[in-house]
Amino acid sequence: MSVPADAVAAEMRKIPVDYFGHAGSIRPNGRVLYPITLYQVKSPEESKAAWDYYKPVGDVDADHAFRPMNEGGCYLIK
């Protein structure tokens, strides 16, 4: 049985997406939206171990982390 790609895409946009541990969603243009964490580089004194370089300083909501669809110029959006 074959399912049209448009039907599959429509169903995918209805369900939540896990993007590397972040809850996300899929816009009609196919862009996955998810919150972004803003990091700051630690000073040498703040680093406690190897690879301990960054500290989280804030979060950016998915709605503000990506360009709005109406500004993107994507040909998939009619």
Protein backbone atom coordinates (compact mmCIF):
# COMPACT_ATOMS: atom_id res chain seq x y z
CA MET A 1 0.00 0.00 0.00
CA SER A 2 1.33 3.41 -0.96
CA VAL A 3 0.63 6.58 1.03
CA PRO A 4 0.94 10.01 -0.64
CA ALA A 5 3.82 12.11 0.64
CA ASP A 6 1.49 15.03 1.39
CA ALA A 7 -0.54 12.84 3.76
CA VAL A 8 2.59 11.65 5.56
CA ALA A 9 3.92 15.23 5.88
CA ALA A 10 0.58 16.44 7.25
CA GLU A 11 0.59 13.73 9.93
CA MET A 12 4.22 14.47 10.84
CA ARG A 13 3.35 18.11 11.49
CA LYS A 14 0.62 17.08 13.95
CA ILE A 15 2.87 15.09 16.29
CA PRO A 16 5.51 16.40 18.70
CA VAL A 17 9.14 16.11 17.62
CA ASP A 18 12.15 15.30 19.82
CA TYR A 19 15.08 17.34 18.55
CA PHE A 20 18.15 16.19 20.50
CA GLY A 21 16.20 16.16 23.77
CA HIS A 22 14.23 19.33 23.04
CA ALA A 23 10.53 19.26 22.31
CA GLY A 24 9.94 20.63 18.84
CA SER A 25 7.43 20.96 16.05
CA ILE A 26 7.49 20.99 12.24
CA ARG A 27 6.28 24.04 10.33
CA PRO A 28 4.46 23.76 6.97
CA ASN A 29 7.73 24.63 5.19
CA GLY A 30 9.46 21.65 6.83
CA ARG A 31 11.55 23.66 9.34
CA VAL A 32 11.82 21.97 12.74
CA LEU A 33 11.35 24.49 15.55
CA TYR A 34 12.83 23.91 19.01
CA PRO A 35 14.06 26.04 21.90
CA ILE A 36 17.71 27.11 21.84
CA THR A 37 19.99 27.39 24.88
CA LEU A 38 22.37 30.34 24.97
CA TYR A 39 25.82 29.52 26.39
CA GLN A 40 28.75 31.58 27.64
CA VAL A 41 32.36 30.42 27.57
CA LYS A 42 33.63 29.73 31.10
CA SER A 43 36.75 31.36 32.45
CA PRO A 44 39.64 28.99 33.24
CA GLU A 45 38.78 29.31 36.95
CA GLU A 46 35.19 28.20 36.34
CA SER A 47 36.18 25.09 34.38
CA LYS A 48 36.25 22.03 36.64
CA ALA A 49 37.22 19.26 34.19
CA ALA A 50 38.28 18.58 30.62
CA TRP A 51 35.60 19.70 28.13
CA ASP A 52 33.93 21.88 30.79
CA TYR A 53 33.94 25.03 28.65
CA TYR A 54 30.40 26.40 28.56
CA LYS A 55 27.72 27.44 31.02
CA PRO A 56 24.07 27.95 30.08
CA VAL A 57 22.93 31.54 30.59
CA GLY A 58 19.46 31.55 29.04
CA ASP A 59 16.92 30.03 26.72
CA VAL A 60 15.35 31.32 23.53
CA ASP A 61 11.82 30.09 22.81
CA ALA A 62 11.32 28.26 19.52
CA ASP A 63 9.01 31.04 18.32
CA HIS A 64 11.85 33.56 18.61
CA ALA A 65 14.82 31.35 17.70
CA PHE A 66 13.98 31.02 13.99
CA ARG A 67 12.99 33.41 11.22
CA PRO A 68 9.20 33.77 10.83
CA MET A 69 7.73 31.91 7.85
CA ASN A 70 6.45 35.11 6.25
CA GLU A 71 10.05 36.44 6.07
CA GLY A 72 11.66 33.28 4.70
CA GLY A 73 10.64 33.34 1.06
CA CYS A 74 10.18 29.56 0.99
CA TYR A 75 8.52 28.37 -2.24
CA LEU A 76 6.83 25.53 -0.30
CA ILE A 77 4.53 28.05 1.43
CA LYS A 78 1.66 29.21 -0.74
